[in-house]
Amino acid sequence: SMATKAGCKRERDGPLRWGIVGSGLICKDFVGALKNIPETEAQVVAVGARSLSSAQKFAGDLGVPKAYEGYAALIADEHVDVVYIGTVAHTHVEIAEQVIA
């Protein structure tokens, strides 16, 4: 799932800046797919995971500049335009509601 952050009107030039919620295999695959898109169009700028160590490992392995413990700080990051939700399915609605709030 993905959700565009509330207030994101894309009034600036530059790439779409992605935040990744989760640090599992599906998130790694998604980031790998985004890396096939030119950086002028899309960049992964942050990851949030249940534990900071998981987020930091994910970030280090995949070259993501920011790692957050939990999801609230990632959602609040003004440098994130859109969020990919790669957690277990039953959490998607709750997280998406937080993103669009």
PDB file of N, CA and C in Angstrom:
ATOM      1  N   SER A   1       0.831  -1.186   0.000  1.00  0.00           N
ATOM      2  CA  SER A   1       0.000   0.000   0.000  1.00  0.00           C
ATOM      3  C   SER A   1       0.869   1.240   0.000  1.00  0.00           C
ATOM      4  N   MET A   2       0.327   2.334  -0.458  1.00  0.00           N
ATOM      5  CA  MET A   2       1.029   3.608  -0.369  1.00  0.00           C
ATOM      6  C   MET A   2       0.020   4.693  -0.061  1.00  0.00           C
ATOM      7  N   ALA A   3       0.528   5.763   0.532  1.00  0.00           N
ATOM      8  CA  ALA A   3      -0.329   6.891   0.867  1.00  0.00           C
ATOM      9  C   ALA A   3       0.454   8.172   0.650  1.00  0.00           C
ATOM     10  N   THR A   4      -0.193   9.143   0.024  1.00  0.00           N
ATOM     11  CA  THR A   4       0.416  10.451  -0.154  1.00  0.00           C
ATOM     12  C   THR A   4       0.117  11.279   1.077  1.00  0.00           C
ATOM     13  N   LYS A   5       1.126  11.940   1.592  1.00  0.00           N
ATOM     14  CA  LYS A   5       0.968  12.700   2.823  1.00  0.00           C
ATOM     15  C   LYS A   5       0.006  13.863   2.642  1.00  0.00           C
ATOM     16  N   ALA A   6      -0.717  14.148   3.692  1.00  0.00           N
ATOM     17  CA  ALA A   6      -1.637  15.284   3.692  1.00  0.00           C
ATOM     18  C   ALA A   6      -0.850  16.551   3.387  1.00  0.00           C
ATOM     19  N   GLY A   7      -1.380  17.379   2.540  1.00  0.00           N
ATOM     20  CA  GLY A   7      -0.735  18.641   2.218  1.00  0.00           C
ATOM     21  C   GLY A   7       0.322  18.546   1.139  1.00  0.00           C
ATOM     22  N   CYS A   8       0.600  17.359   0.652  1.00  0.00           N
ATOM     23  CA  CYS A   8       1.610  17.207  -0.394  1.00  0.00           C
ATOM     24  C   CYS A   8       0.989  17.622  -1.720  1.00  0.00           C
ATOM     25  N   LYS A   9       1.346  18.795  -2.185  1.00  0.00           N
ATOM     26  CA  LYS A   9       0.763  19.333  -3.406  1.00  0.00           C
ATOM     27  C   LYS A   9       1.740  19.311  -4.577  1.00  0.00           C
ATOM     28  N   ARG A  10       2.976  18.846  -4.307  1.00  0.00           N
ATOM     29  CA  ARG A  10       3.999  18.750  -5.339  1.00  0.00           C
ATOM     30  C   ARG A  10       4.190  20.085  -6.042  1.00  0.00           C
ATOM     31  N   GLU A  11       4.299  21.138  -5.264  1.00  0.00           N
ATOM     32  CA  GLU A  11       4.519  22.469  -5.818  1.00  0.00           C
ATOM     33  C   GLU A  11       6.003  22.760  -6.020  1.00  0.00           C
ATOM     34  N   ARG A  12       6.843  21.789  -5.790  1.00  0.00           N
ATOM     35  CA  ARG A  12       8.272  21.986  -5.969  1.00  0.00           C
ATOM     36  C   ARG A  12       8.763  21.077  -7.086  1.00  0.00           C
ATOM     37  N   ASP A  13       9.858  21.475  -7.679  1.00  0.00           N
ATOM     38  CA  ASP A  13      10.495  20.624  -8.673  1.00  0.00           C
ATOM     39  C   ASP A  13      11.315  19.572  -7.953  1.00  0.00           C
ATOM     40  N   GLY A  14      11.690  18.559  -8.665  1.00  0.00           N
ATOM     41  CA  GLY A  14      12.555  17.540  -8.091  1.00  0.00           C
ATOM     42  C   GLY A  14      11.860  16.202  -7.969  1.00  0.00           C
ATOM     43  N   PRO A  15      12.593  15.241  -7.455  1.00  0.00           N
ATOM     44  CA  PRO A  15      12.065  13.880  -7.382  1.00  0.00           C
ATOM     45  C   PRO A  15      10.982  13.721  -6.326  1.00  0.00           C
ATOM     46  N   LEU A  16      10.173  12.692  -6.496  1.00  0.00           N
ATOM     47  CA  LEU A  16       9.220  12.284  -5.477  1.00  0.00           C
ATOM     48  C   LEU A  16      10.031  11.595  -4.387  1.00  0.00           C
ATOM     49  N   ARG A  17       9.874  12.061  -3.151  1.00  0.00           N
ATOM     50  CA  ARG A  17      10.692  11.567  -2.039  1.00  0.00           C
ATOM     51  C   ARG A  17       9.896  10.553  -1.220  1.00  0.00           C
ATOM     52  N   TRP A  18      10.369   9.322  -1.217  1.00  0.00           N
ATOM     53  CA  TRP A  18       9.679   8.203  -0.597  1.00  0.00           C
ATOM     54  C   TRP A  18      10.158   7.950   0.820  1.00  0.00           C
ATOM     55  N   GLY A  19       9.213   7.632   1.697  1.00  0.00           N
ATOM     56  CA  GLY A  19       9.494   7.080   3.011  1.00  0.00           C
ATOM     57  C   GLY A  19       8.962   5.659   3.031  1.00  0.00           C
ATOM     58  N   ILE A  20       9.711   4.765   3.639  1.00  0.00           N
ATOM     59  CA  ILE A  20       9.344   3.351   3.670  1.00  0.00           C
ATOM     60  C   ILE A  20       8.949   2.970   5.095  1.00  0.00           C
ATOM     61  N   VAL A  21       7.753   2.435   5.257  1.00  0.00           N
ATOM     62  CA  VAL A  21       7.281   1.971   6.555  1.00  0.00           C
ATOM     63  C   VAL A  21       7.433   0.444   6.572  1.00  0.00           C
ATOM     64  N   GLY A  22       8.396  -0.012   7.346  1.00  0.00           N
ATOM     65  CA  GLY A  22       8.686  -1.438   7.445  1.00  0.00           C
ATOM     66  C   GLY A  22      10.089  -1.719   6.939  1.00  0.00           C
ATOM     67  N   SER A  23      10.618  -2.871   7.348  1.00  0.00           N
ATOM     68  CA  SER A  23      11.987  -3.197   6.951  1.00  0.00           C
ATOM     69  C   SER A  23      12.119  -4.644   6.494  1.00  0.00           C
ATOM     70  N   GLY A  24      11.009  -5.226   6.098  1.00  0.00           N
ATOM     71  CA  GLY A  24      11.016  -6.619   5.657  1.00  0.00           C
ATOM     72  C   GLY A  24      11.344  -6.771   4.180  1.00  0.00           C
ATOM     73  N   LEU A  25      11.222  -7.988   3.708  1.00  0.00           N
ATOM     74  CA  LEU A  25      11.595  -8.331   2.335  1.00  0.00           C
ATOM     75  C   LEU A  25      10.810  -7.532   1.294  1.00  0.00           C
ATOM     76  N   ILE A  26       9.508  -7.360   1.500  1.00  0.00           N
ATOM     77  CA  ILE A  26       8.708  -6.627   0.508  1.00  0.00           C
ATOM     78  C   ILE A  26       9.192  -5.185   0.397  1.00  0.00           C
ATOM     79  N   CYS A  27       9.609  -4.590   1.519  1.00  0.00           N
ATOM     80  CA  CYS A  27      10.136  -3.224   1.493  1.00  0.00           C
ATOM     81  C   CYS A  27      11.475  -3.181   0.756  1.00  0.00           C
ATOM     82  N   LYS A  28      12.311  -4.175   0.993  1.00  0.00           N
ATOM     83  CA  LYS A  28      13.597  -4.242   0.291  1.00  0.00           C
ATOM     84  C   LYS A  28      13.368  -4.373  -1.204  1.00  0.00           C
ATOM     85  N   ASP A  29      12.415  -5.214  -1.586  1.00  0.00           N
ATOM     86  CA  ASP A  29      12.101  -5.371  -3.005  1.00  0.00           C
ATOM     87  C   ASP A  29      11.578  -4.070  -3.605  1.00  0.00           C
ATOM     88  N   PHE A  30      10.733  -3.363  -2.860  1.00  0.00           N
ATOM     89  CA  PHE A  30      10.177  -2.103  -3.351  1.00  0.00           C
ATOM     90  C   PHE A  30      11.283  -1.066  -3.561  1.00  0.00           C
ATOM     91  N   VAL A  31      12.185  -0.948  -2.579  1.00  0.00           N
ATOM     92  CA  VAL A  31      13.295  -0.005  -2.702  1.00  0.00           C
ATOM     93  C   VAL A  31      14.180  -0.395  -3.889  1.00  0.00           C
ATOM     94  N   GLY A  32      14.408  -1.687  -4.068  1.00  0.00           N
ATOM     95  CA  GLY A  32      15.183  -2.148  -5.226  1.00  0.00           C
ATOM     96  C   GLY A  32      14.535  -1.732  -6.535  1.00  0.00           C
ATOM     97  N   ALA A  33      13.210  -1.836  -6.601  1.00  0.00           N
ATOM     98  CA  ALA A  33      12.493  -1.420  -7.809  1.00  0.00           C
ATOM     99  C   ALA A  33      12.614   0.087  -8.022  1.00  0.00           C
ATOM    100  N   LEU A  34      12.502   0.860  -6.939  1.00  0.00           N
ATOM    101  CA  LEU A  34      12.627   2.318  -7.071  1.00  0.00           C
ATOM    102  C   LEU A  34      14.017   2.727  -7.553  1.00  0.00           C
ATOM    103  N   LYS A  35      15.017   1.941  -7.231  1.00  0.00           N
ATOM    104  CA  LYS A  35      16.381   2.276  -7.651  1.00  0.00           C
ATOM    105  C   LYS A  35      16.554   2.135  -9.168  1.00  0.00           C
ATOM    106  N   ASN A  36      15.580   1.506  -9.838  1.00  0.00           N
ATOM    107  CA  ASN A  36      15.598   1.418 -11.299  1.00  0.00           C
ATOM    108  C   ASN A  36      15.024   2.664 -11.954  1.00  0.00           C
ATOM    109  N   ILE A  37      14.465   3.546 -11.153  1.00  0.00           N
ATOM    110  CA  ILE A  37      13.909   4.813 -11.637  1.00  0.00           C
ATOM    111  C   ILE A  37      14.989   5.879 -11.448  1.00  0.00           C
ATOM    112  N   PRO A  38      15.182   6.761 -12.399  1.00  0.00           N
ATOM    113  CA  PRO A  38      16.204   7.801 -12.226  1.00  0.00           C
ATOM    114  C   PRO A  38      16.001   8.599 -10.939  1.00  0.00           C
ATOM    115  N   GLU A  39      17.101   8.931 -10.268  1.00  0.00           N
ATOM    116  CA  GLU A  39      17.026   9.701  -9.018  1.00  0.00           C
ATOM    117  C   GLU A  39      16.405  11.076  -9.223  1.00  0.00           C
ATOM    118  N   THR A  40      16.357  11.531 -10.448  1.00  0.00           N
ATOM    119  CA  THR A  40      15.702  12.803 -10.726  1.00  0.00           C
ATOM    120  C   THR A  40      14.182  12.683 -10.633  1.00  0.00           C
ATOM    121  N   GLU A  41      13.679  11.437 -10.588  1.00  0.00           N
ATOM    122  CA  GLU A  41      12.242  11.203 -10.514  1.00  0.00           C
ATOM    123  C   GLU A  41      11.782  10.647  -9.172  1.00  0.00           C
ATOM    124  N   ALA A  42      12.601   9.817  -8.539  1.00  0.00           N
ATOM    125  CA  ALA A  42      12.204   9.189  -7.271  1.00  0.00           C
ATOM    126  C   ALA A  42      13.432   8.901  -6.423  1.00  0.00           C
ATOM    127  N   GLN A  43      13.314   9.179  -5.120  1.00  0.00           N
ATOM    128  CA  GLN A  43      14.378   8.894  -4.166  1.00  0.00           C
ATOM    129  C   GLN A  43      13.774   8.344  -2.887  1.00  0.00           C
ATOM    130  N   VAL A  44      14.427   7.356  -2.309  1.00  0.00           N
ATOM    131  CA  VAL A  44      14.036   6.855  -0.999  1.00  0.00           C
ATOM    132  C   VAL A  44      14.845   7.653   0.015  1.00  0.00           C
ATOM    133  N   VAL A  45      14.163   8.395   0.888  1.00  0.00           N
ATOM    134  CA  VAL A  45      14.851   9.298   1.806  1.00  0.00           C
ATOM    135  C   VAL A  45      14.787   8.862   3.263  1.00  0.00           C
ATOM    136  N   ALA A  46      13.895   7.918   3.596  1.00  0.00           N
ATOM    137  CA  ALA A  46      13.772   7.522   4.996  1.00  0.00           C
ATOM    138  C   ALA A  46      13.097   6.165   5.114  1.00  0.00           C
ATOM    139  N   VAL A  47      13.406   5.485   6.215  1.00  0.00           N
ATOM    140  CA  VAL A  47      12.748   4.229   6.565  1.00  0.00           C
ATOM    141  C   VAL A  47      12.392   4.276   8.046  1.00  0.00           C
ATOM    142  N   GLY A  48      11.232   3.729   8.368  1.00  0.00           N
ATOM    143  CA  GLY A  48      10.818   3.580   9.759  1.00  0.00           C
ATOM    144  C   GLY A  48      10.480   2.125  10.011  1.00  0.00           C
ATOM    145  N   ALA A  49      10.935   1.605  11.135  1.00  0.00           N
ATOM    146  CA  ALA A  49      10.654   0.217  11.499  1.00  0.00           C
ATOM    147  C   ALA A  49      10.294   0.157  12.980  1.00  0.00           C
ATOM    148  N   ARG A  50       9.774  -0.976  13.415  1.00  0.00           N
ATOM    149  CA  ARG A  50       9.395  -1.109  14.824  1.00  0.00           C
ATOM    150  C   ARG A  50      10.585  -0.896  15.737  1.00  0.00           C
ATOM    151  N   SER A  51      11.767  -1.319  15.302  1.00  0.00           N
ATOM    152  CA  SER A  51      12.966  -1.097  16.119  1.00  0.00           C
ATOM    153  C   SER A  51      13.960  -0.242  15.337  1.00  0.00           C
ATOM    154  N   LEU A  52      14.669   0.609  16.060  1.00  0.00           N
ATOM    155  CA  LEU A  52      15.664   1.465  15.424  1.00  0.00           C
ATOM    156  C   LEU A  52      16.761   0.631  14.779  1.00  0.00           C
ATOM    157  N   SER A  53      17.160  -0.463  15.414  1.00  0.00           N
ATOM    158  CA  SER A  53      18.225  -1.285  14.839  1.00  0.00           C
ATOM    159  C   SER A  53      17.810  -1.875  13.494  1.00  0.00           C
ATOM    160  N   SER A  54      16.563  -2.290  13.357  1.00  0.00           N
ATOM    161  CA  SER A  54      16.072  -2.804  12.070  1.00  0.00           C
ATOM    162  C   SER A  54      16.065  -1.707  11.015  1.00  0.00           C
ATOM    163  N   ALA A  55      15.623  -0.520  11.406  1.00  0.00           N
ATOM    164  CA  ALA A  55      15.598   0.602  10.466  1.00  0.00           C
ATOM    165  C   ALA A  55      17.019   0.979  10.045  1.00  0.00           C
ATOM    166  N   GLN A  56      17.936   1.000  10.997  1.00  0.00           N
ATOM    167  CA  GLN A  56      19.318   1.359  10.676  1.00  0.00           C
ATOM    168  C   GLN A  56      19.973   0.322   9.778  1.00  0.00           C
ATOM    169  N   LYS A  57      19.707  -0.952  10.016  1.00  0.00           N
ATOM    170  CA  LYS A  57      20.269  -1.998   9.155  1.00  0.00           C
ATOM    171  C   LYS A  57      19.724  -1.863   7.740  1.00  0.00           C
ATOM    172  N   PHE A  58      18.424  -1.693   7.634  1.00  0.00           N
ATOM    173  CA  PHE A  58      17.780  -1.514   6.329  1.00  0.00           C
ATOM    174  C   PHE A  58      18.400  -0.318   5.615  1.00  0.00           C
ATOM    175  N   ALA A  59      18.491   0.805   6.317  1.00  0.00           N
ATOM    176  CA  ALA A  59      19.037   2.031   5.734  1.00  0.00           C
ATOM    177  C   ALA A  59      20.479   1.818   5.279  1.00  0.00           C
ATOM    178  N   GLY A  60      21.282   1.185   6.125  1.00  0.00           N
ATOM    179  CA  GLY A  60      22.676   0.943   5.774  1.00  0.00           C
ATOM    180  C   GLY A  60      22.830   0.014   4.584  1.00  0.00           C
ATOM    181  N   ASP A  61      22.034  -1.051   4.560  1.00  0.00           N
ATOM    182  CA  ASP A  61      22.114  -2.024   3.471  1.00  0.00           C
ATOM    183  C   ASP A  61      21.675  -1.441   2.131  1.00  0.00           C
ATOM    184  N   LEU A  62      20.701  -0.518   2.169  1.00  0.00           N
ATOM    185  CA  LEU A  62      20.100  -0.039   0.924  1.00  0.00           C
ATOM    186  C   LEU A  62      20.408   1.422   0.605  1.00  0.00           C
ATOM    187  N   GLY A  63      21.244   2.047   1.407  1.00  0.00           N
ATOM    188  CA  GLY A  63      21.640   3.422   1.116  1.00  0.00           C
ATOM    189  C   GLY A  63      20.546   4.448   1.354  1.00  0.00           C
ATOM    190  N   VAL A  64      19.723   4.221   2.362  1.00  0.00           N
ATOM    191  CA  VAL A  64      18.662   5.163   2.711  1.00  0.00           C
ATOM    192  C   VAL A  64      19.221   6.131   3.759  1.00  0.00           C
ATOM    193  N   PRO A  65      19.106   7.440   3.539  1.00  0.00           N
ATOM    194  CA  PRO A  65      19.774   8.400   4.417  1.00  0.00           C
ATOM    195  C   PRO A  65      19.272   8.471   5.864  1.00  0.00           C
ATOM    196  N   LYS A  66      17.970   8.243   6.103  1.00  0.00           N
ATOM    197  CA  LYS A  66      17.421   8.408   7.450  1.00  0.00           C
ATOM    198  C   LYS A  66      16.750   7.118   7.917  1.00  0.00           C
ATOM    199  N   ALA A  67      16.907   6.831   9.217  1.00  0.00           N
ATOM    200  CA  ALA A  67      16.258   5.669   9.829  1.00  0.00           C
ATOM    201  C   ALA A  67      15.539   6.127  11.089  1.00  0.00           C
ATOM    202  N   TYR A  68      14.304   5.679  11.245  1.00  0.00           N
ATOM    203  CA  TYR A  68      13.493   6.061  12.402  1.00  0.00           C
ATOM    204  C   TYR A  68      12.994   4.827  13.137  1.00  0.00           C
ATOM    205  N   GLU A  69      12.915   4.950  14.475  1.00  0.00           N
ATOM    206  CA  GLU A  69      12.242   3.933  15.270  1.00  0.00           C
ATOM    207  C   GLU A  69      10.762   4.269  15.275  1.00  0.00           C
ATOM    208  N   GLY A  70       9.956   3.362  14.821  1.00  0.00           N
ATOM    209  CA  GLY A  70       8.531   3.619  14.705  1.00  0.00           C
ATOM    210  C   GLY A  70       8.214   4.361  13.405  1.00  0.00           C
ATOM    211  N   TYR A  71       6.970   4.763  13.292  1.00  0.00           N
ATOM    212  CA  TYR A  71       6.503   5.345  12.033  1.00  0.00           C
ATOM    213  C   TYR A  71       6.153   6.821  12.144  1.00  0.00           C
ATOM    214  N   ALA A  72       5.867   7.310  13.327  1.00  0.00           N
ATOM    215  CA  ALA A  72       5.400   8.690  13.502  1.00  0.00           C
ATOM    216  C   ALA A  72       6.426   9.708  13.012  1.00  0.00           C
ATOM    217  N   ALA A  73       7.682   9.519  13.338  1.00  0.00           N
ATOM    218  CA  ALA A  73       8.711  10.484  12.922  1.00  0.00           C
ATOM    219  C   ALA A  73       8.904  10.463  11.407  1.00  0.00           C
ATOM    220  N   LEU A  74       8.818   9.294  10.806  1.00  0.00           N
ATOM    221  CA  LEU A  74       8.919   9.213   9.348  1.00  0.00           C
ATOM    222  C   LEU A  74       7.744   9.954   8.708  1.00  0.00           C
ATOM    223  N   ILE A  75       6.551   9.717   9.227  1.00  0.00           N
ATOM    224  CA  ILE A  75       5.363  10.372   8.681  1.00  0.00           C
ATOM    225  C   ILE A  75       5.464  11.887   8.839  1.00  0.00           C
ATOM    226  N   ALA A  76       6.047  12.346   9.928  1.00  0.00           N
ATOM    227  CA  ALA A  76       6.179  13.787  10.182  1.00  0.00           C
ATOM    228  C   ALA A  76       7.337  14.425   9.418  1.00  0.00           C
ATOM    229  N   ASP A  77       8.221  13.647   8.859  1.00  0.00           N
ATOM    230  CA  ASP A  77       9.404  14.176   8.165  1.00  0.00           C
ATOM    231  C   ASP A  77       8.964  15.009   6.967  1.00  0.00           C
ATOM    232  N   GLU A  78       9.308  16.289   6.984  1.00  0.00           N
ATOM    233  CA  GLU A  78       8.893  17.188   5.899  1.00  0.00           C
ATOM    234  C   GLU A  78       9.581  16.892   4.578  1.00  0.00           C
ATOM    235  N   HIS A  79      10.584  16.037   4.592  1.00  0.00           N
ATOM    236  CA  HIS A  79      11.290  15.679   3.359  1.00  0.00           C
ATOM    237  C   HIS A  79      10.736  14.407   2.724  1.00  0.00           C
ATOM    238  N   VAL A  80       9.655  13.870   3.282  1.00  0.00           N
ATOM    239  CA  VAL A  80       8.980  12.696   2.730  1.00  0.00           C
ATOM    240  C   VAL A  80       7.680  13.155   2.082  1.00  0.00           C
ATOM    241  N   ASP A  81       7.515  12.843   0.794  1.00  0.00           N
ATOM    242  CA  ASP A  81       6.298  13.215   0.065  1.00  0.00           C
ATOM    243  C   ASP A  81       5.250  12.107   0.079  1.00  0.00           C
ATOM    244  N   VAL A  82       5.697  10.870  -0.042  1.00  0.00           N
ATOM    245  CA  VAL A  82       4.791   9.733  -0.154  1.00  0.00           C
ATOM    246  C   VAL A  82       5.375   8.576   0.643  1.00  0.00           C
ATOM    247  N   VAL A  83       4.488   7.752   1.207  1.00  0.00           N
ATOM    248  CA  VAL A  83       4.907   6.667   2.082  1.00  0.00           C
ATOM    249  C   VAL A  83       4.482   5.331   1.486  1.00  0.00           C
ATOM    250  N   TYR A  84       5.441   4.425   1.410  1.00  0.00           N
ATOM    251  CA  TYR A  84       5.151   3.037   1.043  1.00  0.00           C
ATOM    252  C   TYR A  84       4.947   2.263   2.339  1.00  0.00           C
ATOM    253  N   ILE A  85       3.826   1.569   2.449  1.00  0.00           N
ATOM    254  CA  ILE A  85       3.497   0.818   3.659  1.00  0.00           C
ATOM    255  C   ILE A  85       3.730  -0.660   3.373  1.00  0.00           C
ATOM    256  N   GLY A  86       4.803  -1.187   3.946  1.00  0.00           N
ATOM    257  CA  GLY A  86       5.185  -2.573   3.700  1.00  0.00           C
ATOM    258  C   GLY A  86       5.103  -3.438   4.946  1.00  0.00           C
ATOM    259  N   THR A  87       4.239  -3.060   5.844  1.00  0.00           N
ATOM    260  CA  THR A  87       4.026  -3.847   7.064  1.00  0.00           C
ATOM    261  C   THR A  87       2.980  -4.928   6.787  1.00  0.00           C
ATOM    262  N   VAL A  88       2.647  -5.713   7.802  1.00  0.00           N
ATOM    263  CA  VAL A  88       1.621  -6.743   7.626  1.00  0.00           C
ATOM    264  C   VAL A  88       0.286  -6.082   7.268  1.00  0.00           C
ATOM    265  N   ALA A  89      -0.488  -6.764   6.470  1.00  0.00           N
ATOM    266  CA  ALA A  89      -1.679  -6.182   5.853  1.00  0.00           C
ATOM    267  C   ALA A  89      -2.654  -5.557   6.839  1.00  0.00           C
ATOM    268  N   HIS A  90      -2.870  -6.175   7.988  1.00  0.00           N
ATOM    269  CA  HIS A  90      -3.895  -5.647   8.898  1.00  0.00           C
ATOM    270  C   HIS A  90      -3.501  -4.303   9.515  1.00  0.00           C
ATOM    271  N   THR A  91      -2.263  -3.834   9.312  1.00  0.00           N
ATOM    272  CA  THR A  91      -1.841  -2.531   9.837  1.00  0.00           C
ATOM    273  C   THR A  91      -1.930  -1.413   8.799  1.00  0.00           C
ATOM    274  N   HIS A  92      -2.195  -1.750   7.554  1.00  0.00           N
ATOM    275  CA  HIS A  92      -2.143  -0.757   6.480  1.00  0.00           C
ATOM    276  C   HIS A  92      -3.128   0.389   6.666  1.00  0.00           C
ATOM    277  N   VAL A  93      -4.352   0.089   7.013  1.00  0.00           N
ATOM    278  CA  VAL A  93      -5.368   1.146   7.142  1.00  0.00           C
ATOM    279  C   VAL A  93      -4.980   2.128   8.240  1.00  0.00           C
ATOM    280  N   GLU A  94      -4.590   1.616   9.393  1.00  0.00           N
ATOM    281  CA  GLU A  94      -4.221   2.500  10.511  1.00  0.00           C
ATOM    282  C   GLU A  94      -3.051   3.406  10.136  1.00  0.00           C
ATOM    283  N   ILE A  95      -2.038   2.834   9.503  1.00  0.00           N
ATOM    284  CA  ILE A  95      -0.872   3.634   9.116  1.00  0.00           C
ATOM    285  C   ILE A  95      -1.238   4.631   8.028  1.00  0.00           C
ATOM    286  N   ALA A  96      -2.003   4.209   7.049  1.00  0.00           N
ATOM    287  CA  ALA A  96      -2.417   5.120   5.972  1.00  0.00           C
ATOM    288  C   ALA A  96      -3.224   6.279   6.529  1.00  0.00           C
ATOM    289  N   GLU A  97      -4.088   6.032   7.497  1.00  0.00           N
ATOM    290  CA  GLU A  97      -4.856   7.112   8.121  1.00  0.00           C
ATOM    291  C   GLU A  97      -3.951   8.111   8.817  1.00  0.00           C
ATOM    292  N   GLN A  98      -2.876   7.632   9.424  1.00  0.00           N
ATOM    293  CA  GLN A  98      -1.916   8.535  10.054  1.00  0.00           C
ATOM    294  C   GLN A  98      -1.206   9.385   8.995  1.00  0.00           C
ATOM    295  N   VAL A  99      -0.888   8.771   7.863  1.00  0.00           N
ATOM    296  CA  VAL A  99      -0.174   9.497   6.801  1.00  0.00           C
ATOM    297  C   VAL A  99      -1.036  10.605   6.221  1.00  0.00           C
ATOM    298  N   ILE A 100      -2.287  10.330   5.980  1.00  0.00           N
ATOM    299  CA  ILE A 100      -3.143  11.317   5.300  1.00  0.00           C
ATOM    300  C   ILE A 100      -3.801  12.302   6.261  1.00  0.00           C
ATOM    301  N   ALA A 101      -3.612  12.115   7.556  1.00  0.00           N
ATOM    302  CA  ALA A 101      -4.243  12.996   8.545  1.00  0.00           C
ATOM    303  C   ALA A 101      -3.669  14.405   8.478  1.00  0.00           C
TER     304      ALA A 101
END
